[in-house]
Amino acid sequence: MKLLVHSDNPVKLRDAIENYLKSDESIWLYIDDYKTNVGTTRPVFTHKSKNYKDKAKFVVYAQSDSNRVLFYFTDKESSQVEAQYMGMLIPLIMNNFPNNFTSISVEK
């Protein structure tokens, strides 16, 4: 599954989301760097709580050519856990970045 956040400025939104995820007020934990196909690295996140920690790991990508931010799961226990993480990420975006996106969608 893919969590897609459509935005007029996906790079700015991705950077803001990553900064929030790394902040102390976040329930997310920065754990590693993920090497992309083009040789750059992106931070990898998981949930801080013991119930969800390391059950899934994700990276946030800006897709400037399609004006969207993609939450890419690099590792997950199951599709159910992935869906639970998405269920936590969608309100995070809606509450913290209401003026930075035009729509949110999930693709199977």
N, C-alpha and C. Protein backbone atom coordinates (compact mmCIF):
# COMPACT_ATOMS: atom_id res chain seq x y z
N MET A 1 0.84 -1.18 0.00
CA MET A 1 0.00 0.00 0.00
C MET A 1 0.88 1.24 0.00
N LYS A 2 0.31 2.33 -0.50
CA LYS A 2 1.02 3.60 -0.54
C LYS A 2 0.15 4.68 0.09
N LEU A 3 0.74 5.49 0.94
CA LEU A 3 0.08 6.67 1.46
C LEU A 3 0.62 7.85 0.68
N LEU A 4 -0.26 8.56 -0.03
CA LEU A 4 0.13 9.67 -0.89
C LEU A 4 -0.51 10.96 -0.38
N VAL A 5 0.29 12.00 -0.27
CA VAL A 5 -0.19 13.31 0.14
C VAL A 5 0.09 14.26 -1.01
N HIS A 6 -0.96 14.77 -1.61
CA HIS A 6 -0.83 15.65 -2.78
C HIS A 6 -0.60 17.08 -2.31
N SER A 7 0.39 17.74 -2.92
CA SER A 7 0.81 19.06 -2.47
C SER A 7 1.35 19.87 -3.63
N ASP A 8 1.17 21.19 -3.56
CA ASP A 8 1.75 22.07 -4.57
C ASP A 8 3.26 22.21 -4.39
N ASN A 9 3.75 21.91 -3.19
CA ASN A 9 5.19 21.99 -2.91
C ASN A 9 5.61 20.75 -2.11
N PRO A 10 5.76 19.61 -2.78
CA PRO A 10 6.04 18.37 -2.07
C PRO A 10 7.38 18.34 -1.32
N VAL A 11 8.39 19.03 -1.83
CA VAL A 11 9.69 19.04 -1.15
C VAL A 11 9.57 19.78 0.19
N LYS A 12 8.91 20.92 0.17
CA LYS A 12 8.70 21.69 1.40
C LYS A 12 7.88 20.88 2.41
N LEU A 13 6.84 20.22 1.94
CA LEU A 13 6.00 19.41 2.82
C LEU A 13 6.77 18.22 3.38
N ARG A 14 7.52 17.53 2.52
CA ARG A 14 8.34 16.40 3.00
C ARG A 14 9.31 16.84 4.09
N ASP A 15 9.99 17.96 3.86
CA ASP A 15 10.95 18.46 4.85
C ASP A 15 10.26 18.81 6.17
N ALA A 16 9.08 19.42 6.08
CA ALA A 16 8.33 19.78 7.29
C ALA A 16 7.87 18.53 8.04
N ILE A 17 7.42 17.53 7.30
CA ILE A 17 6.99 16.27 7.93
C ILE A 17 8.17 15.59 8.60
N GLU A 18 9.31 15.50 7.92
CA GLU A 18 10.49 14.86 8.51
C GLU A 18 10.94 15.61 9.77
N ASN A 19 10.94 16.93 9.72
CA ASN A 19 11.33 17.70 10.90
C ASN A 19 10.38 17.44 12.06
N TYR A 20 9.09 17.36 11.78
CA TYR A 20 8.12 17.07 12.82
C TYR A 20 8.34 15.66 13.39
N LEU A 21 8.54 14.68 12.51
CA LEU A 21 8.74 13.31 12.96
C LEU A 21 9.98 13.18 13.85
N LYS A 22 10.99 14.02 13.60
CA LYS A 22 12.22 13.99 14.39
C LYS A 22 12.10 14.78 15.70
N SER A 23 11.05 15.57 15.84
CA SER A 23 10.91 16.44 17.01
C SER A 23 10.56 15.65 18.27
N ASP A 24 10.78 16.27 19.41
CA ASP A 24 10.52 15.63 20.70
C ASP A 24 9.04 15.39 20.94
N GLU A 25 8.18 16.23 20.36
CA GLU A 25 6.74 16.08 20.58
C GLU A 25 6.14 14.95 19.74
N SER A 26 6.91 14.42 18.85
CA SER A 26 6.43 13.37 17.95
C SER A 26 6.39 12.00 18.64
N ILE A 27 5.45 11.17 18.21
CA ILE A 27 5.38 9.78 18.70
C ILE A 27 6.20 8.85 17.81
N TRP A 28 6.96 9.45 16.88
CA TRP A 28 7.76 8.68 15.93
C TRP A 28 9.23 8.77 16.30
N LEU A 29 9.99 7.80 15.84
CA LEU A 29 11.40 7.69 16.18
C LEU A 29 12.23 7.58 14.90
N TYR A 30 13.23 8.45 14.77
CA TYR A 30 14.18 8.38 13.66
C TYR A 30 15.19 7.29 14.01
N ILE A 31 15.31 6.27 13.15
CA ILE A 31 16.15 5.13 13.53
C ILE A 31 17.34 4.85 12.62
N ASP A 32 17.29 5.34 11.38
CA ASP A 32 18.33 4.94 10.44
C ASP A 32 18.22 5.81 9.19
N ASP A 33 19.10 5.56 8.23
CA ASP A 33 19.01 6.18 6.91
C ASP A 33 18.81 5.10 5.88
N TYR A 34 18.02 5.41 4.86
CA TYR A 34 17.71 4.49 3.78
C TYR A 34 18.35 5.02 2.51
N LYS A 35 19.13 4.19 1.84
CA LYS A 35 19.77 4.60 0.60
C LYS A 35 18.80 4.40 -0.56
N THR A 36 18.56 5.45 -1.31
CA THR A 36 17.62 5.40 -2.42
C THR A 36 18.29 4.86 -3.68
N ASN A 37 17.48 4.64 -4.70
CA ASN A 37 17.98 4.14 -5.99
C ASN A 37 18.93 5.12 -6.66
N VAL A 38 18.78 6.41 -6.38
CA VAL A 38 19.63 7.43 -7.01
C VAL A 38 20.84 7.79 -6.16
N GLY A 39 21.04 7.05 -5.06
CA GLY A 39 22.24 7.23 -4.26
C GLY A 39 22.13 8.21 -3.11
N THR A 40 20.99 8.85 -2.93
CA THR A 40 20.81 9.74 -1.79
C THR A 40 20.29 8.94 -0.60
N THR A 41 20.23 9.56 0.56
CA THR A 41 19.69 8.89 1.73
C THR A 41 18.50 9.67 2.28
N ARG A 42 17.57 8.95 2.88
CA ARG A 42 16.38 9.53 3.52
C ARG A 42 16.29 8.92 4.91
N PRO A 43 15.80 9.70 5.89
CA PRO A 43 15.65 9.15 7.23
C PRO A 43 14.54 8.09 7.29
N VAL A 44 14.76 7.08 8.10
CA VAL A 44 13.78 6.01 8.31
C VAL A 44 13.17 6.21 9.70
N PHE A 45 11.84 6.04 9.78
CA PHE A 45 11.12 6.24 11.03
C PHE A 45 10.34 5.00 11.42
N THR A 46 10.10 4.86 12.73
CA THR A 46 9.21 3.86 13.28
C THR A 46 8.45 4.51 14.43
N HIS A 47 7.53 3.80 15.03
CA HIS A 47 6.76 4.33 16.15
C HIS A 47 7.56 4.16 17.44
N LYS A 48 7.40 5.09 18.39
CA LYS A 48 8.16 5.03 19.65
C LYS A 48 7.60 4.02 20.65
N SER A 49 6.31 3.77 20.63
CA SER A 49 5.72 2.93 21.67
C SER A 49 6.15 1.47 21.53
N LYS A 50 6.20 0.77 22.65
CA LYS A 50 6.65 -0.62 22.62
C LYS A 50 5.69 -1.52 21.83
N ASN A 51 4.42 -1.13 21.75
CA ASN A 51 3.44 -1.93 21.00
C ASN A 51 3.65 -1.86 19.49
N TYR A 52 4.22 -0.75 19.01
CA TYR A 52 4.37 -0.56 17.57
C TYR A 52 5.82 -0.42 17.10
N LYS A 53 6.75 -0.22 18.01
CA LYS A 53 8.14 0.02 17.64
C LYS A 53 8.69 -1.12 16.79
N ASP A 54 9.28 -0.74 15.67
CA ASP A 54 9.94 -1.66 14.73
C ASP A 54 9.00 -2.65 14.05
N LYS A 55 7.68 -2.51 14.23
CA LYS A 55 6.75 -3.38 13.52
C LYS A 55 6.60 -2.94 12.06
N ALA A 56 6.95 -1.68 11.82
CA ALA A 56 7.01 -1.15 10.45
C ALA A 56 8.01 0.00 10.46
N LYS A 57 8.62 0.22 9.31
CA LYS A 57 9.57 1.32 9.13
C LYS A 57 9.22 2.01 7.81
N PHE A 58 9.31 3.33 7.82
CA PHE A 58 8.93 4.06 6.61
C PHE A 58 9.85 5.24 6.34
N VAL A 59 9.83 5.65 5.08
CA VAL A 59 10.59 6.78 4.58
C VAL A 59 9.59 7.73 3.93
N VAL A 60 9.89 9.03 3.98
CA VAL A 60 9.03 10.03 3.35
C VAL A 60 9.75 10.57 2.12
N TYR A 61 9.13 10.42 0.95
CA TYR A 61 9.71 10.90 -0.32
C TYR A 61 8.89 12.04 -0.89
N ALA A 62 9.57 12.99 -1.50
CA ALA A 62 8.88 14.03 -2.28
C ALA A 62 8.95 13.61 -3.74
N GLN A 63 7.80 13.53 -4.38
CA GLN A 63 7.73 13.21 -5.81
C GLN A 63 7.30 14.48 -6.54
N SER A 64 8.29 15.31 -6.86
CA SER A 64 8.02 16.63 -7.45
C SER A 64 7.34 16.53 -8.80
N ASP A 65 7.65 15.48 -9.57
CA ASP A 65 7.06 15.33 -10.90
C ASP A 65 5.56 15.06 -10.85
N SER A 66 5.07 14.57 -9.72
CA SER A 66 3.63 14.30 -9.60
C SER A 66 2.99 15.07 -8.44
N ASN A 67 3.72 16.04 -7.91
CA ASN A 67 3.21 16.90 -6.83
C ASN A 67 2.62 16.10 -5.66
N ARG A 68 3.41 15.17 -5.16
CA ARG A 68 2.93 14.41 -4.01
C ARG A 68 4.08 13.96 -3.13
N VAL A 69 3.73 13.66 -1.90
CA VAL A 69 4.65 13.09 -0.93
C VAL A 69 4.22 11.64 -0.73
N LEU A 70 5.17 10.75 -0.80
CA LEU A 70 4.92 9.32 -0.66
C LEU A 70 5.51 8.81 0.65
N PHE A 71 4.70 8.11 1.43
CA PHE A 71 5.19 7.39 2.60
C PHE A 71 5.46 5.96 2.13
N TYR A 72 6.74 5.61 2.07
CA TYR A 72 7.17 4.31 1.55
C TYR A 72 7.60 3.44 2.72
N PHE A 73 6.99 2.27 2.85
CA PHE A 73 7.32 1.35 3.94
C PHE A 73 8.46 0.44 3.50
N THR A 74 9.61 0.61 4.16
CA THR A 74 10.80 -0.18 3.82
C THR A 74 10.75 -1.56 4.46
N ASP A 75 9.96 -1.68 5.52
CA ASP A 75 9.87 -2.94 6.25
C ASP A 75 8.56 -2.93 7.03
N LYS A 76 7.89 -4.06 7.09
CA LYS A 76 6.65 -4.14 7.87
C LYS A 76 6.38 -5.58 8.24
N GLU A 77 5.75 -5.78 9.39
CA GLU A 77 5.38 -7.12 9.84
C GLU A 77 4.26 -7.68 8.98
N SER A 78 3.31 -6.82 8.63
CA SER A 78 2.15 -7.26 7.85
C SER A 78 1.46 -6.05 7.23
N SER A 79 0.54 -6.32 6.32
CA SER A 79 -0.25 -5.24 5.73
C SER A 79 -1.15 -4.60 6.78
N GLN A 80 -1.55 -5.38 7.77
CA GLN A 80 -2.39 -4.84 8.85
C GLN A 80 -1.62 -3.79 9.66
N VAL A 81 -0.36 -4.05 9.98
CA VAL A 81 0.46 -3.09 10.71
C VAL A 81 0.69 -1.85 9.85
N GLU A 82 0.94 -2.05 8.57
CA GLU A 82 1.12 -0.92 7.66
C GLU A 82 -0.12 -0.03 7.67
N ALA A 83 -1.29 -0.64 7.64
CA ALA A 83 -2.55 0.12 7.67
C ALA A 83 -2.70 0.86 8.99
N GLN A 84 -2.29 0.24 10.10
CA GLN A 84 -2.36 0.92 11.40
C GLN A 84 -1.44 2.14 11.44
N TYR A 85 -0.26 2.01 10.89
CA TYR A 85 0.66 3.15 10.81
C TYR A 85 0.04 4.26 9.97
N MET A 86 -0.53 3.90 8.82
CA MET A 86 -1.18 4.90 7.97
C MET A 86 -2.30 5.60 8.73
N GLY A 87 -3.03 4.82 9.53
CA GLY A 87 -4.11 5.38 10.33
C GLY A 87 -3.62 6.38 11.36
N MET A 88 -2.36 6.32 11.74
CA MET A 88 -1.77 7.29 12.66
C MET A 88 -1.15 8.47 11.90
N LEU A 89 -0.66 8.21 10.70
CA LEU A 89 0.01 9.27 9.93
C LEU A 89 -0.98 10.25 9.30
N ILE A 90 -2.13 9.78 8.87
CA ILE A 90 -3.10 10.66 8.21
C ILE A 90 -3.54 11.80 9.13
N PRO A 91 -3.96 11.54 10.39
CA PRO A 91 -4.32 12.67 11.26
C PRO A 91 -3.13 13.58 11.57
N LEU A 92 -1.92 13.02 11.64
CA LEU A 92 -0.73 13.83 11.87
C LEU A 92 -0.61 14.89 10.77
N ILE A 93 -0.79 14.47 9.53
CA ILE A 93 -0.70 15.40 8.40
C ILE A 93 -1.84 16.40 8.44
N MET A 94 -3.05 15.91 8.65
CA MET A 94 -4.22 16.79 8.65
C MET A 94 -4.16 17.83 9.77
N ASN A 95 -3.67 17.45 10.94
CA ASN A 95 -3.64 18.36 12.09
C ASN A 95 -2.45 19.32 12.08
N ASN A 96 -1.31 18.86 11.57
CA ASN A 96 -0.10 19.67 11.64
C ASN A 96 0.25 20.42 10.36
N PHE A 97 -0.31 20.00 9.25
CA PHE A 97 0.03 20.62 7.97
C PHE A 97 -1.23 20.90 7.13
N PRO A 98 -2.27 21.48 7.72
CA PRO A 98 -3.54 21.62 7.01
C PRO A 98 -3.47 22.51 5.76
N ASN A 99 -2.52 23.42 5.71
CA ASN A 99 -2.41 24.33 4.57
C ASN A 99 -1.37 23.90 3.55
N ASN A 100 -0.76 22.72 3.76
CA ASN A 100 0.34 22.28 2.91
C ASN A 100 -0.01 21.12 1.98
N PHE A 101 -1.26 20.69 1.97
CA PHE A 101 -1.64 19.59 1.07
C PHE A 101 -3.01 19.85 0.49
N THR A 102 -3.28 19.22 -0.65
CA THR A 102 -4.56 19.39 -1.31
C THR A 102 -5.45 18.16 -1.12
N SER A 103 -4.83 16.98 -0.99
CA SER A 103 -5.60 15.75 -0.74
C SER A 103 -4.67 14.66 -0.24
N ILE A 104 -5.28 13.64 0.35
CA ILE A 104 -4.57 12.47 0.84
C ILE A 104 -5.24 11.25 0.25
N SER A 105 -4.44 10.30 -0.23
CA SER A 105 -5.01 9.08 -0.78
C SER A 105 -4.17 7.88 -0.40
N VAL A 106 -4.80 6.72 -0.46
CA VAL A 106 -4.13 5.45 -0.22
C VAL A 106 -4.33 4.60 -1.45
N GLU A 107 -3.24 4.04 -1.95
CA GLU A 107 -3.31 3.13 -3.10
C GLU A 107 -2.89 1.75 -2.64
N LYS A 108 -3.61 0.77 -3.12
CA LYS A 108 -3.30 -0.62 -2.77
C LYS A 108 -2.13 -1.12 -3.58
